[in-house]
């Protein structure tokens, strides 16, 4: 069953703007409960800290990858190596500065496509999107490809009781095309097929 969120917060979270951080009392804790797996990289508490920073500054963002899938499901279903974070390109320097102050260091720099930062087991994979006036994002690929991340393909999910902006199930399925799926991709695609 997809995660349930407080709908009155949806517009602020999906399209940018300061957001109040109200609890999600109707969240389904599912099989993972509140505990985070002991063997993983990126934790739900760190996802919360990053999203809090972004939303306090009204930065348009979208979580993709495994955390987005789990956000749509409403509970954590597997460990996550990193947080795939698509953000307004205009805010990347500020985000990197904030993450660096938290102890992260750049591990992979493939800008303008992506920048991966690491702090111990924690990893954030930052994907800059150039936004148009309607909030639609365009990301450059490593080979000059253009990837569109339309505003309409963002929705709300729930990560450990907190509403976050994630890609829609349809968009996440599209992002799994064009490469041989790994075990985690097969897991995620199975969950997406049930949504």
N, C-alpha and C. Protein backbone atom coordinates (compact mmCIF):
# COMPACT_ATOMS: atom_id res chain seq x y z
N UNK A 1 0.84 -1.17 0.00
CA UNK A 1 0.00 0.00 0.00
C UNK A 1 0.89 1.24 0.00
N UNK A 2 0.61 2.23 -0.83
CA UNK A 2 1.42 3.45 -0.85
C UNK A 2 1.32 4.20 0.47
N UNK A 3 2.33 5.00 0.75
CA UNK A 3 2.36 5.81 1.96
C UNK A 3 1.25 6.84 1.93
N UNK A 4 0.75 7.16 3.11
CA UNK A 4 -0.25 8.22 3.23
C UNK A 4 0.42 9.44 3.84
N UNK A 5 0.09 10.61 3.32
CA UNK A 5 0.68 11.84 3.85
C UNK A 5 -0.41 12.86 4.09
N UNK A 6 -0.09 13.87 4.88
CA UNK A 6 -1.03 14.96 5.12
C UNK A 6 -1.11 15.81 3.87
N UNK A 7 -2.23 15.81 3.20
CA UNK A 7 -2.35 16.45 1.89
C UNK A 7 -2.20 17.96 1.93
N UNK A 8 -2.51 18.61 3.05
CA UNK A 8 -2.40 20.07 3.08
C UNK A 8 -0.96 20.55 2.98
N UNK A 9 0.00 19.69 3.21
CA UNK A 9 1.41 20.07 3.06
C UNK A 9 1.94 19.80 1.66
N UNK A 10 1.16 19.10 0.85
CA UNK A 10 1.66 18.61 -0.44
C UNK A 10 2.15 19.72 -1.35
N UNK A 11 1.37 20.77 -1.56
CA UNK A 11 1.77 21.80 -2.50
C UNK A 11 3.08 22.47 -2.11
N UNK A 12 3.24 22.81 -0.82
CA UNK A 12 4.49 23.44 -0.39
C UNK A 12 5.68 22.53 -0.62
N UNK A 13 5.56 21.27 -0.31
CA UNK A 13 6.68 20.35 -0.43
C UNK A 13 7.03 20.06 -1.90
N UNK A 14 6.01 19.90 -2.74
CA UNK A 14 6.26 19.52 -4.12
C UNK A 14 6.82 20.65 -4.96
N UNK A 15 6.45 21.86 -4.68
CA UNK A 15 6.83 22.96 -5.57
C UNK A 15 7.76 23.95 -4.92
N UNK A 16 8.25 23.67 -3.73
CA UNK A 16 9.18 24.57 -3.06
C UNK A 16 8.44 25.48 -2.11
N UNK A 17 9.15 26.05 -1.19
CA UNK A 17 8.56 26.93 -0.19
C UNK A 17 8.83 26.36 1.19
N UNK A 18 8.92 27.24 2.20
CA UNK A 18 9.16 26.77 3.56
C UNK A 18 8.02 25.85 3.99
N UNK A 19 8.35 24.83 4.73
CA UNK A 19 7.37 23.82 5.12
C UNK A 19 7.44 23.62 6.61
N UNK A 20 6.27 23.52 7.24
CA UNK A 20 6.25 23.15 8.65
C UNK A 20 6.53 21.66 8.75
N UNK A 21 7.13 21.24 9.83
CA UNK A 21 7.52 19.84 9.98
C UNK A 21 6.60 19.14 10.96
N UNK A 22 5.38 18.87 10.51
CA UNK A 22 4.42 18.19 11.34
C UNK A 22 4.61 16.69 11.24
N UNK A 23 4.27 15.99 12.29
CA UNK A 23 4.40 14.54 12.32
C UNK A 23 3.42 13.86 11.39
N UNK A 24 3.69 12.63 11.08
CA UNK A 24 2.84 11.84 10.20
C UNK A 24 2.24 10.73 11.03
N UNK A 25 1.22 11.05 11.82
CA UNK A 25 0.68 10.08 12.77
C UNK A 25 0.05 8.88 12.10
N UNK A 26 -0.34 9.01 10.84
CA UNK A 26 -0.99 7.89 10.17
C UNK A 26 -0.02 7.07 9.33
N UNK A 27 1.28 7.21 9.54
CA UNK A 27 2.28 6.48 8.77
C UNK A 27 2.25 5.02 9.14
N UNK A 28 2.35 4.15 8.14
CA UNK A 28 2.41 2.71 8.33
C UNK A 28 3.87 2.33 8.56
N UNK A 29 4.21 1.92 9.77
CA UNK A 29 5.60 1.59 10.08
C UNK A 29 6.06 0.31 9.40
N UNK A 30 5.16 -0.48 8.89
CA UNK A 30 5.50 -1.64 8.07
C UNK A 30 6.47 -2.58 8.76
N UNK A 31 7.14 -3.36 7.96
CA UNK A 31 7.99 -4.41 8.49
C UNK A 31 9.26 -3.89 9.14
N UNK A 32 9.70 -2.68 8.79
CA UNK A 32 10.95 -2.18 9.34
C UNK A 32 10.75 -1.49 10.69
N UNK A 33 9.51 -1.09 11.01
CA UNK A 33 9.28 -0.36 12.24
C UNK A 33 10.05 0.95 12.23
N UNK A 34 10.42 1.42 13.40
CA UNK A 34 11.18 2.66 13.50
C UNK A 34 12.67 2.43 13.41
N UNK A 35 13.10 1.22 13.61
CA UNK A 35 14.54 0.94 13.64
C UNK A 35 15.13 0.98 12.24
N UNK A 36 16.36 1.48 12.15
CA UNK A 36 17.08 1.48 10.89
C UNK A 36 17.93 0.22 10.83
N UNK A 37 18.10 -0.35 9.66
CA UNK A 37 18.95 -1.53 9.55
C UNK A 37 20.36 -1.23 10.05
N UNK A 38 21.02 -2.23 10.60
CA UNK A 38 22.36 -2.02 11.12
C UNK A 38 23.42 -2.06 10.03
N UNK A 39 23.11 -2.65 8.88
CA UNK A 39 24.07 -2.73 7.78
C UNK A 39 23.53 -1.90 6.63
N UNK A 40 23.95 -0.67 6.56
CA UNK A 40 23.55 0.18 5.46
C UNK A 40 24.43 1.41 5.44
N UNK A 41 24.32 2.16 4.38
CA UNK A 41 25.06 3.40 4.28
C UNK A 41 24.20 4.56 4.77
N UNK A 42 23.34 5.04 3.90
CA UNK A 42 22.52 6.22 4.22
C UNK A 42 21.37 5.85 5.15
N UNK A 43 21.23 6.59 6.22
CA UNK A 43 20.19 6.33 7.21
C UNK A 43 19.00 7.26 7.02
N UNK A 44 17.87 6.82 7.52
CA UNK A 44 16.66 7.64 7.45
C UNK A 44 16.84 8.95 8.22
N UNK A 45 17.54 8.91 9.34
CA UNK A 45 17.73 10.13 10.12
C UNK A 45 18.57 11.15 9.34
N UNK A 46 19.53 10.69 8.55
CA UNK A 46 20.32 11.61 7.74
C UNK A 46 19.50 12.13 6.57
N UNK A 47 18.63 11.30 5.99
CA UNK A 47 17.71 11.77 4.95
C UNK A 47 16.85 12.89 5.53
N UNK A 48 16.34 12.71 6.74
CA UNK A 48 15.53 13.75 7.39
C UNK A 48 16.32 15.05 7.53
N UNK A 49 17.56 14.97 8.00
CA UNK A 49 18.37 16.18 8.20
C UNK A 49 18.57 16.92 6.88
N UNK A 50 18.84 16.18 5.82
CA UNK A 50 19.07 16.81 4.51
C UNK A 50 17.79 17.45 3.98
N UNK A 51 16.69 16.73 4.09
CA UNK A 51 15.41 17.28 3.61
C UNK A 51 15.00 18.48 4.46
N UNK A 52 15.22 18.42 5.76
CA UNK A 52 14.92 19.59 6.61
C UNK A 52 15.68 20.81 6.11
N UNK A 53 16.98 20.64 5.83
CA UNK A 53 17.81 21.75 5.35
C UNK A 53 17.26 22.29 4.03
N UNK A 54 16.94 21.40 3.11
CA UNK A 54 16.41 21.82 1.80
C UNK A 54 15.09 22.56 1.93
N UNK A 55 14.17 22.01 2.69
CA UNK A 55 12.85 22.60 2.79
C UNK A 55 12.85 23.91 3.56
N UNK A 56 13.71 24.03 4.56
CA UNK A 56 13.82 25.28 5.30
C UNK A 56 14.27 26.41 4.37
N UNK A 57 15.02 26.06 3.33
CA UNK A 57 15.52 27.06 2.38
C UNK A 57 14.71 27.10 1.09
N UNK A 58 13.60 26.39 1.06
CA UNK A 58 12.70 26.38 -0.11
C UNK A 58 13.39 25.90 -1.38
N UNK A 59 14.33 24.96 -1.24
CA UNK A 59 15.02 24.40 -2.40
C UNK A 59 14.14 23.32 -3.03
N UNK A 60 13.92 23.41 -4.33
CA UNK A 60 13.18 22.38 -5.04
C UNK A 60 14.08 21.14 -5.13
N UNK A 61 13.53 20.01 -4.72
CA UNK A 61 14.30 18.76 -4.74
C UNK A 61 13.37 17.60 -5.07
N UNK A 62 14.01 16.48 -5.36
CA UNK A 62 13.28 15.24 -5.62
C UNK A 62 14.21 14.09 -5.27
N UNK A 63 13.73 13.18 -4.44
CA UNK A 63 14.50 11.99 -4.10
C UNK A 63 14.17 10.91 -5.13
N UNK A 64 15.20 10.29 -5.66
CA UNK A 64 15.04 9.18 -6.60
C UNK A 64 15.70 7.95 -5.99
N UNK A 65 15.76 6.87 -6.74
CA UNK A 65 16.44 5.66 -6.28
C UNK A 65 15.66 4.92 -5.21
N UNK A 66 16.40 4.13 -4.44
CA UNK A 66 15.78 3.26 -3.45
C UNK A 66 15.02 3.96 -2.35
N UNK A 67 15.53 5.12 -1.88
CA UNK A 67 14.79 5.85 -0.86
C UNK A 67 13.46 6.35 -1.40
N UNK A 68 13.41 6.70 -2.69
CA UNK A 68 12.14 7.13 -3.28
C UNK A 68 11.15 5.97 -3.32
N UNK A 69 11.63 4.79 -3.71
CA UNK A 69 10.76 3.62 -3.75
C UNK A 69 10.21 3.34 -2.35
N UNK A 70 11.10 3.31 -1.37
CA UNK A 70 10.65 3.06 0.00
C UNK A 70 9.72 4.17 0.49
N UNK A 71 9.96 5.40 0.05
CA UNK A 71 9.07 6.49 0.41
C UNK A 71 7.66 6.27 -0.12
N UNK A 72 7.55 5.76 -1.34
CA UNK A 72 6.23 5.47 -1.91
C UNK A 72 5.56 4.30 -1.21
N UNK A 73 6.35 3.30 -0.82
CA UNK A 73 5.81 2.14 -0.12
C UNK A 73 5.37 2.54 1.30
N UNK A 74 6.12 3.45 1.91
CA UNK A 74 5.76 3.95 3.23
C UNK A 74 6.60 3.40 4.36
N UNK A 75 7.56 2.54 4.04
CA UNK A 75 8.48 2.04 5.05
C UNK A 75 9.75 1.55 4.35
N UNK A 76 10.81 1.46 5.13
CA UNK A 76 12.09 1.04 4.57
C UNK A 76 12.08 -0.46 4.33
N UNK A 77 12.42 -0.86 3.11
CA UNK A 77 12.38 -2.28 2.74
C UNK A 77 13.76 -2.89 2.56
N UNK A 78 14.80 -2.06 2.50
CA UNK A 78 16.16 -2.56 2.30
C UNK A 78 17.16 -1.50 2.73
N UNK A 79 18.42 -1.90 2.95
CA UNK A 79 19.47 -0.90 3.21
C UNK A 79 19.73 -0.07 1.95
N UNK A 80 20.22 1.15 2.15
CA UNK A 80 20.49 2.04 1.02
C UNK A 80 21.93 2.52 1.08
N UNK A 81 22.65 2.35 -0.03
CA UNK A 81 24.03 2.80 -0.13
C UNK A 81 24.13 4.31 -0.04
N UNK A 82 23.14 5.00 -0.68
CA UNK A 82 23.22 6.46 -0.75
C UNK A 82 21.83 7.06 -0.84
N UNK A 83 21.80 8.38 -0.90
CA UNK A 83 20.59 9.13 -1.16
C UNK A 83 20.75 9.77 -2.53
N UNK A 84 19.89 9.39 -3.48
CA UNK A 84 19.90 10.01 -4.81
C UNK A 84 19.04 11.26 -4.73
N UNK A 85 19.69 12.41 -4.81
CA UNK A 85 19.04 13.69 -4.56
C UNK A 85 19.14 14.58 -5.79
N UNK A 86 18.01 14.83 -6.41
CA UNK A 86 17.94 15.73 -7.56
C UNK A 86 17.50 17.08 -7.03
N UNK A 87 18.30 18.12 -7.31
CA UNK A 87 18.06 19.44 -6.70
C UNK A 87 18.22 20.55 -7.72
N UNK A 88 17.64 21.68 -7.38
CA UNK A 88 17.79 22.89 -8.17
C UNK A 88 19.28 23.20 -8.31
N UNK A 89 19.76 23.26 -9.53
CA UNK A 89 21.19 23.50 -9.78
C UNK A 89 21.68 24.79 -9.14
N UNK A 90 20.81 25.78 -9.01
CA UNK A 90 21.20 27.05 -8.41
C UNK A 90 21.58 26.90 -6.93
N UNK A 91 21.17 25.81 -6.29
CA UNK A 91 21.43 25.60 -4.87
C UNK A 91 22.57 24.62 -4.60
N UNK A 92 23.17 24.06 -5.64
CA UNK A 92 24.18 23.00 -5.44
C UNK A 92 25.36 23.48 -4.61
N UNK A 93 25.89 24.66 -4.88
CA UNK A 93 27.04 25.15 -4.10
C UNK A 93 26.70 25.25 -2.61
N UNK A 94 25.50 25.74 -2.31
CA UNK A 94 25.07 25.85 -0.91
C UNK A 94 24.91 24.49 -0.27
N UNK A 95 24.33 23.55 -0.99
CA UNK A 95 24.14 22.18 -0.47
C UNK A 95 25.49 21.53 -0.20
N UNK A 96 26.41 21.66 -1.16
CA UNK A 96 27.74 21.07 -1.00
C UNK A 96 28.46 21.71 0.19
N UNK A 97 28.33 23.01 0.33
CA UNK A 97 28.95 23.70 1.47
C UNK A 97 28.40 23.20 2.80
N UNK A 98 27.08 23.04 2.86
CA UNK A 98 26.45 22.55 4.09
C UNK A 98 26.87 21.11 4.39
N UNK A 99 26.86 20.26 3.36
CA UNK A 99 27.27 18.87 3.56
C UNK A 99 28.74 18.78 3.98
N UNK A 100 29.58 19.61 3.39
CA UNK A 100 31.00 19.63 3.75
C UNK A 100 31.18 20.02 5.22
N UNK A 101 30.40 21.00 5.66
CA UNK A 101 30.46 21.41 7.06
C UNK A 101 30.00 20.29 7.99
N UNK A 102 29.20 19.36 7.49
CA UNK A 102 28.73 18.21 8.27
C UNK A 102 29.72 17.04 8.20
N UNK A 103 30.85 17.22 7.51
CA UNK A 103 31.85 16.17 7.46
C UNK A 103 31.91 15.39 6.17
N UNK A 104 31.10 15.75 5.19
CA UNK A 104 31.14 15.08 3.89
C UNK A 104 32.30 15.62 3.06
N UNK A 105 32.80 14.78 2.17
CA UNK A 105 33.82 15.19 1.21
C UNK A 105 33.43 14.65 -0.16
N UNK A 106 33.81 15.38 -1.19
CA UNK A 106 33.49 14.94 -2.55
C UNK A 106 34.27 13.67 -2.84
N UNK A 107 33.54 12.64 -3.29
CA UNK A 107 34.16 11.38 -3.65
C UNK A 107 34.19 11.19 -5.16
N UNK A 108 33.14 11.64 -5.84
CA UNK A 108 33.05 11.53 -7.30
C UNK A 108 32.50 12.84 -7.84
N UNK A 109 33.25 13.48 -8.73
CA UNK A 109 32.80 14.74 -9.32
C UNK A 109 32.63 14.55 -10.82
N UNK A 110 31.40 14.35 -11.24
CA UNK A 110 31.06 14.23 -12.65
C UNK A 110 30.09 15.33 -13.04
N UNK A 111 30.30 16.51 -12.47
CA UNK A 111 29.42 17.63 -12.82
C UNK A 111 29.59 17.97 -14.29
N UNK A 112 28.53 18.36 -14.96
CA UNK A 112 27.25 18.80 -14.40
C UNK A 112 26.24 17.68 -14.17
N UNK A 113 26.63 16.42 -14.37
CA UNK A 113 25.67 15.32 -14.24
C UNK A 113 25.40 14.95 -12.78
N UNK A 114 26.48 14.79 -12.00
CA UNK A 114 26.30 14.36 -10.61
C UNK A 114 27.56 14.63 -9.80
N UNK A 115 27.36 14.69 -8.50
CA UNK A 115 28.45 14.90 -7.55
C UNK A 115 28.14 14.03 -6.33
N UNK A 116 29.01 13.06 -6.03
CA UNK A 116 28.77 12.21 -4.88
C UNK A 116 29.67 12.62 -3.74
N UNK A 117 29.04 12.80 -2.57
CA UNK A 117 29.76 13.17 -1.37
C UNK A 117 29.62 12.05 -0.36
N UNK A 118 30.66 11.90 0.49
CA UNK A 118 30.66 10.81 1.46
C UNK A 118 31.17 11.29 2.80
N UNK A 119 30.53 10.77 3.85
CA UNK A 119 30.99 10.97 5.22
C UNK A 119 30.87 9.62 5.90
N UNK A 120 31.99 8.89 5.99
CA UNK A 120 31.95 7.53 6.53
C UNK A 120 31.03 6.67 5.68
N UNK A 121 30.03 6.03 6.30
CA UNK A 121 29.11 5.19 5.52
C UNK A 121 28.01 5.97 4.81
N UNK A 122 27.91 7.27 5.08
CA UNK A 122 26.85 8.10 4.50
C UNK A 122 27.28 8.64 3.14
N UNK A 123 26.40 8.52 2.15
CA UNK A 123 26.67 9.04 0.81
C UNK A 123 25.46 9.79 0.29
N UNK A 124 25.73 10.93 -0.35
CA UNK A 124 24.68 11.70 -1.02
C UNK A 124 25.13 11.89 -2.46
N UNK A 125 24.29 11.46 -3.39
CA UNK A 125 24.56 11.58 -4.82
C UNK A 125 23.71 12.74 -5.33
N UNK A 126 24.33 13.90 -5.50
CA UNK A 126 23.64 15.14 -5.88
C UNK A 126 23.57 15.22 -7.40
N UNK A 127 22.37 15.37 -7.91
CA UNK A 127 22.13 15.50 -9.35
C UNK A 127 21.50 16.88 -9.60
N UNK A 128 22.27 17.84 -10.14
CA UNK A 128 21.71 19.16 -10.38
C UNK A 128 20.67 19.16 -11.50
N UNK A 129 19.57 19.87 -11.27
CA UNK A 129 18.54 20.09 -12.29
C UNK A 129 18.42 21.59 -12.52
N UNK A 130 18.49 22.01 -13.77
CA UNK A 130 18.21 23.40 -14.09
C UNK A 130 16.70 23.52 -14.20
N UNK A 131 16.12 24.40 -13.39
CA UNK A 131 14.67 24.52 -13.33
C UNK A 131 14.15 25.64 -14.22
N UNK A 132 13.01 25.39 -14.85
CA UNK A 132 12.33 26.46 -15.58
C UNK A 132 11.36 27.15 -14.62
N UNK A 133 10.65 28.14 -15.11
CA UNK A 133 9.76 28.92 -14.25
C UNK A 133 8.59 28.11 -13.70
N UNK A 134 8.31 26.95 -14.28
CA UNK A 134 7.23 26.09 -13.79
C UNK A 134 7.73 25.00 -12.84
N UNK A 135 9.03 24.96 -12.57
CA UNK A 135 9.58 23.97 -11.67
C UNK A 135 9.98 22.66 -12.32
N UNK A 136 9.94 22.61 -13.64
CA UNK A 136 10.41 21.42 -14.35
C UNK A 136 11.93 21.44 -14.38
N UNK A 137 12.54 20.26 -14.19
CA UNK A 137 13.99 20.19 -14.14
C UNK A 137 14.59 19.51 -15.34
N UNK A 138 15.78 19.98 -15.72
CA UNK A 138 16.56 19.35 -16.79
C UNK A 138 17.94 19.04 -16.22
N UNK A 139 18.34 17.78 -16.37
CA UNK A 139 19.64 17.33 -15.89
C UNK A 139 20.49 16.92 -17.09
N UNK A 140 21.75 17.28 -17.06
CA UNK A 140 22.69 16.88 -18.10
C UNK A 140 23.29 15.53 -17.74
N UNK A 141 23.46 14.67 -18.74
CA UNK A 141 24.10 13.37 -18.53
C UNK A 141 25.58 13.45 -18.80
N UNK A 142 26.28 12.38 -18.52
CA UNK A 142 27.73 12.35 -18.71
C UNK A 142 28.14 12.51 -20.16
N UNK A 143 27.31 12.02 -21.07
CA UNK A 143 27.61 12.12 -22.49
C UNK A 143 26.87 13.25 -23.18
N UNK A 144 26.41 14.23 -22.41
CA UNK A 144 25.68 15.35 -22.98
C UNK A 144 24.19 15.09 -23.14
N UNK A 145 23.71 13.91 -22.72
CA UNK A 145 22.28 13.63 -22.79
C UNK A 145 21.51 14.63 -21.92
N UNK A 146 20.25 14.74 -22.20
CA UNK A 146 19.37 15.60 -21.42
C UNK A 146 18.28 14.73 -20.80
N UNK A 147 18.13 14.83 -19.50
CA UNK A 147 17.10 14.09 -18.78
C UNK A 147 16.12 15.09 -18.18
N UNK A 148 14.86 14.92 -18.52
CA UNK A 148 13.83 15.83 -18.02
C UNK A 148 13.16 15.24 -16.79
N UNK A 149 13.02 16.07 -15.79
CA UNK A 149 12.36 15.70 -14.54
C UNK A 149 11.23 16.70 -14.31
N UNK A 150 10.09 16.41 -14.89
CA UNK A 150 8.98 17.36 -14.84
C UNK A 150 8.38 17.44 -13.44
N UNK A 151 7.88 18.58 -13.14
CA UNK A 151 7.21 18.83 -11.86
C UNK A 151 6.07 17.84 -11.65
N UNK A 152 5.39 17.46 -12.72
CA UNK A 152 4.27 16.53 -12.63
C UNK A 152 4.71 15.13 -12.20
N UNK A 153 5.99 14.84 -12.30
CA UNK A 153 6.50 13.52 -11.92
C UNK A 153 7.04 13.50 -10.49
N UNK A 154 6.67 14.49 -9.70
CA UNK A 154 7.03 14.53 -8.28
C UNK A 154 5.77 14.28 -7.45
N UNK A 155 5.95 13.58 -6.37
CA UNK A 155 4.85 13.31 -5.44
C UNK A 155 5.43 13.24 -4.04
N UNK A 156 4.57 12.98 -3.08
CA UNK A 156 5.04 12.84 -1.70
C UNK A 156 5.14 11.38 -1.32
N UNK A 157 6.20 11.07 -0.60
CA UNK A 157 6.38 9.77 0.01
C UNK A 157 6.68 9.98 1.48
N UNK A 158 6.92 8.89 2.19
CA UNK A 158 7.20 8.97 3.62
C UNK A 158 8.44 8.16 3.93
N UNK A 159 9.43 8.82 4.54
CA UNK A 159 10.64 8.15 5.01
C UNK A 159 10.65 8.22 6.53
N UNK A 160 10.48 7.08 7.15
CA UNK A 160 10.50 6.97 8.61
C UNK A 160 9.65 8.05 9.28
N UNK A 161 8.41 8.17 8.81
CA UNK A 161 7.45 9.07 9.43
C UNK A 161 7.47 10.50 8.94
N UNK A 162 8.33 10.83 8.00
CA UNK A 162 8.44 12.21 7.52
C UNK A 162 8.12 12.26 6.04
N UNK A 163 7.25 13.21 5.67
CA UNK A 163 6.92 13.40 4.25
C UNK A 163 8.12 14.00 3.52
N UNK A 164 8.40 13.44 2.35
CA UNK A 164 9.50 13.91 1.50
C UNK A 164 9.03 13.90 0.05
N UNK A 165 9.67 14.71 -0.79
CA UNK A 165 9.33 14.75 -2.21
C UNK A 165 10.11 13.65 -2.92
N UNK A 166 9.39 12.82 -3.65
CA UNK A 166 9.99 11.70 -4.38
C UNK A 166 9.46 11.69 -5.81
N UNK A 167 10.16 10.96 -6.67
CA UNK A 167 9.66 10.75 -8.03
C UNK A 167 8.45 9.81 -7.95
N UNK A 168 7.55 9.96 -8.89
CA UNK A 168 6.39 9.07 -8.94
C UNK A 168 6.83 7.65 -9.29
N UNK A 169 5.96 6.69 -9.03
CA UNK A 169 6.26 5.30 -9.37
C UNK A 169 6.52 5.17 -10.87
N UNK A 170 5.73 5.85 -11.67
CA UNK A 170 5.92 5.79 -13.13
C UNK A 170 7.32 6.29 -13.51
N UNK A 171 7.71 7.41 -12.93
CA UNK A 171 9.03 7.97 -13.24
C UNK A 171 10.15 7.06 -12.75
N UNK A 172 9.99 6.48 -11.58
CA UNK A 172 11.02 5.58 -11.06
C UNK A 172 11.16 4.34 -11.94
N UNK A 173 10.06 3.84 -12.46
CA UNK A 173 10.15 2.70 -13.40
C UNK A 173 10.91 3.12 -14.65
N UNK A 174 10.64 4.32 -15.17
CA UNK A 174 11.35 4.82 -16.35
C UNK A 174 12.85 4.94 -16.09
N UNK A 175 13.21 5.38 -14.91
CA UNK A 175 14.62 5.56 -14.58
C UNK A 175 15.37 4.23 -14.44
N UNK A 176 14.64 3.14 -14.34
CA UNK A 176 15.26 1.81 -14.28
C UNK A 176 15.46 1.18 -15.66
N UNK A 177 15.14 1.91 -16.71
CA UNK A 177 15.27 1.37 -18.07
C UNK A 177 16.67 1.67 -18.63
N UNK A 178 17.12 0.83 -19.55
CA UNK A 178 18.35 1.10 -20.28
C UNK A 178 19.61 0.53 -19.67
N UNK A 179 19.48 -0.27 -18.62
CA UNK A 179 20.67 -0.92 -18.06
C UNK A 179 20.26 -2.24 -17.42
N UNK A 180 21.24 -3.11 -17.24
CA UNK A 180 21.00 -4.42 -16.62
C UNK A 180 20.70 -4.21 -15.14
N UNK A 181 19.54 -4.62 -14.66
CA UNK A 181 19.20 -4.37 -13.25
C UNK A 181 20.06 -5.18 -12.29
N UNK A 182 20.47 -4.51 -11.23
CA UNK A 182 21.18 -5.15 -10.13
C UNK A 182 20.13 -5.79 -9.20
N UNK A 183 20.56 -6.52 -8.19
CA UNK A 183 19.62 -7.13 -7.25
C UNK A 183 18.73 -6.08 -6.59
N UNK A 184 19.31 -4.94 -6.20
CA UNK A 184 18.50 -3.90 -5.55
C UNK A 184 17.48 -3.31 -6.53
N UNK A 185 17.84 -3.24 -7.82
CA UNK A 185 16.90 -2.74 -8.83
C UNK A 185 15.73 -3.71 -9.00
N UNK A 186 16.03 -5.00 -9.02
CA UNK A 186 14.97 -6.01 -9.14
C UNK A 186 14.02 -5.89 -7.94
N UNK A 187 14.59 -5.74 -6.76
CA UNK A 187 13.79 -5.54 -5.54
C UNK A 187 12.88 -4.32 -5.69
N UNK A 188 13.48 -3.19 -6.10
CA UNK A 188 12.72 -1.95 -6.23
C UNK A 188 11.64 -2.06 -7.30
N UNK A 189 11.96 -2.66 -8.45
CA UNK A 189 10.98 -2.81 -9.52
C UNK A 189 9.81 -3.69 -9.09
N UNK A 190 10.09 -4.70 -8.29
CA UNK A 190 9.00 -5.55 -7.77
C UNK A 190 8.05 -4.71 -6.92
N UNK A 191 8.61 -3.87 -6.05
CA UNK A 191 7.77 -3.00 -5.21
C UNK A 191 6.99 -2.00 -6.05
N UNK A 192 7.66 -1.42 -7.06
CA UNK A 192 6.99 -0.44 -7.92
C UNK A 192 5.84 -1.08 -8.70
N UNK A 193 5.98 -2.33 -9.07
CA UNK A 193 4.92 -3.02 -9.82
C UNK A 193 3.67 -3.19 -8.98
N UNK A 194 3.83 -3.20 -7.65
CA UNK A 194 2.70 -3.37 -6.76
C UNK A 194 1.99 -2.07 -6.44
N UNK A 195 2.57 -0.94 -6.81
CA UNK A 195 1.95 0.36 -6.49
C UNK A 195 0.90 0.75 -7.52
